[in-house]
């Protein structure tokens, strides 16, 4: 069972990082709509 712990920890870390990236992108789009749309593509 211990072998799964590092994988779960990494998975949670990646998901939390993705959430932070999405929030950061949303803030950028609100601040700079034009630049945000260009970065989205």
N, C-alpha and C. Protein backbone atom coordinates (compact mmCIF):
# COMPACT_ATOMS: atom_id res chain seq x y z
N UNK A 1 0.83 -1.21 0.00
CA UNK A 1 0.00 0.00 0.00
C UNK A 1 0.87 1.26 0.00
N UNK A 2 2.02 1.17 0.62
CA UNK A 2 2.87 2.36 0.70
C UNK A 2 3.33 2.84 -0.67
N UNK A 3 3.38 1.91 -1.65
CA UNK A 3 3.85 2.29 -2.98
C UNK A 3 2.92 3.29 -3.64
N UNK A 4 1.65 3.29 -3.23
CA UNK A 4 0.68 4.20 -3.86
C UNK A 4 0.75 5.61 -3.27
N UNK A 5 1.27 5.74 -2.06
CA UNK A 5 1.28 7.05 -1.40
C UNK A 5 2.03 8.13 -2.19
N UNK A 6 3.25 7.88 -2.66
CA UNK A 6 3.95 8.92 -3.43
C UNK A 6 3.19 9.32 -4.68
N UNK A 7 2.56 8.35 -5.36
CA UNK A 7 1.81 8.65 -6.57
C UNK A 7 0.61 9.53 -6.26
N UNK A 8 -0.08 9.23 -5.16
CA UNK A 8 -1.25 10.03 -4.78
C UNK A 8 -0.81 11.44 -4.40
N UNK A 9 0.29 11.54 -3.66
CA UNK A 9 0.80 12.85 -3.26
C UNK A 9 1.15 13.69 -4.49
N UNK A 10 1.79 13.05 -5.46
CA UNK A 10 2.17 13.75 -6.69
C UNK A 10 0.92 14.17 -7.45
N UNK A 11 -0.08 13.29 -7.51
CA UNK A 11 -1.31 13.60 -8.23
C UNK A 11 -2.01 14.80 -7.61
N UNK A 12 -2.11 14.81 -6.28
CA UNK A 12 -2.75 15.95 -5.61
C UNK A 12 -1.96 17.23 -5.85
N UNK A 13 -0.64 17.14 -5.86
CA UNK A 13 0.20 18.32 -6.07
C UNK A 13 -0.01 18.87 -7.47
N UNK A 14 -0.07 17.98 -8.45
CA UNK A 14 -0.28 18.41 -9.84
C UNK A 14 -1.64 19.06 -10.01
N UNK A 15 -2.66 18.45 -9.41
CA UNK A 15 -4.02 19.01 -9.54
C UNK A 15 -4.11 20.37 -8.87
N UNK A 16 -3.51 20.53 -7.70
CA UNK A 16 -3.55 21.81 -7.01
C UNK A 16 -2.79 22.86 -7.83
N UNK A 17 -1.69 22.44 -8.48
CA UNK A 17 -0.93 23.35 -9.31
C UNK A 17 -1.76 23.78 -10.52
N UNK A 18 -2.49 22.83 -11.11
CA UNK A 18 -3.34 23.17 -12.26
C UNK A 18 -4.40 24.18 -11.86
N UNK A 19 -4.95 24.02 -10.67
CA UNK A 19 -5.97 24.97 -10.20
C UNK A 19 -5.38 26.36 -10.05
N UNK A 20 -4.15 26.44 -9.54
CA UNK A 20 -3.49 27.73 -9.38
C UNK A 20 -3.23 28.37 -10.74
N UNK A 21 -2.83 27.54 -11.72
CA UNK A 21 -2.55 28.05 -13.06
C UNK A 21 -3.84 28.58 -13.69
N UNK A 22 -4.94 27.85 -13.51
CA UNK A 22 -6.22 28.29 -14.08
C UNK A 22 -6.66 29.61 -13.45
N UNK A 23 -6.49 29.74 -12.15
CA UNK A 23 -6.86 30.98 -11.46
C UNK A 23 -5.98 32.13 -11.96
N UNK A 24 -4.70 31.85 -12.15
CA UNK A 24 -3.78 32.89 -12.63
C UNK A 24 -4.17 33.32 -14.04
N UNK A 25 -4.51 32.36 -14.90
CA UNK A 25 -4.92 32.70 -16.26
C UNK A 25 -6.20 33.52 -16.25
N UNK A 26 -7.13 33.16 -15.36
CA UNK A 26 -8.39 33.90 -15.28
C UNK A 26 -8.12 35.35 -14.87
N UNK A 27 -7.20 35.55 -13.94
CA UNK A 27 -6.86 36.91 -13.51
C UNK A 27 -6.23 37.68 -14.64
N UNK A 28 -5.36 37.02 -15.42
CA UNK A 28 -4.70 37.68 -16.54
C UNK A 28 -5.73 38.08 -17.59
N UNK A 29 -6.70 37.20 -17.84
CA UNK A 29 -7.75 37.51 -18.83
C UNK A 29 -8.59 38.69 -18.37
N UNK A 30 -8.83 38.79 -17.07
CA UNK A 30 -9.61 39.91 -16.55
C UNK A 30 -8.83 41.22 -16.66
N UNK A 31 -7.53 41.14 -16.39
CA UNK A 31 -6.69 42.33 -16.42
C UNK A 31 -6.35 42.73 -17.86
N UNK A 32 -5.98 41.73 -18.67
CA UNK A 32 -5.60 42.00 -20.06
C UNK A 32 -6.37 41.06 -20.99
N UNK A 33 -7.61 41.41 -21.35
CA UNK A 33 -8.44 40.53 -22.18
C UNK A 33 -7.76 40.15 -23.50
N UNK A 34 -7.16 41.10 -24.17
CA UNK A 34 -6.53 40.84 -25.47
C UNK A 34 -5.37 39.87 -25.32
N UNK A 35 -4.47 40.16 -24.38
CA UNK A 35 -3.30 39.30 -24.19
C UNK A 35 -3.72 37.93 -23.67
N UNK A 36 -4.78 37.89 -22.86
CA UNK A 36 -5.27 36.62 -22.34
C UNK A 36 -5.81 35.73 -23.44
N UNK A 37 -6.52 36.35 -24.39
CA UNK A 37 -7.08 35.56 -25.49
C UNK A 37 -5.96 35.04 -26.38
N UNK A 38 -4.92 35.83 -26.57
CA UNK A 38 -3.79 35.40 -27.41
C UNK A 38 -3.06 34.24 -26.74
N UNK A 39 -2.94 34.29 -25.41
CA UNK A 39 -2.25 33.23 -24.69
C UNK A 39 -3.10 31.95 -24.69
N UNK A 40 -4.43 32.13 -24.73
CA UNK A 40 -5.31 30.96 -24.73
C UNK A 40 -5.17 30.15 -26.01
N UNK A 41 -4.89 30.83 -27.09
CA UNK A 41 -4.74 30.13 -28.36
C UNK A 41 -3.31 29.65 -28.45
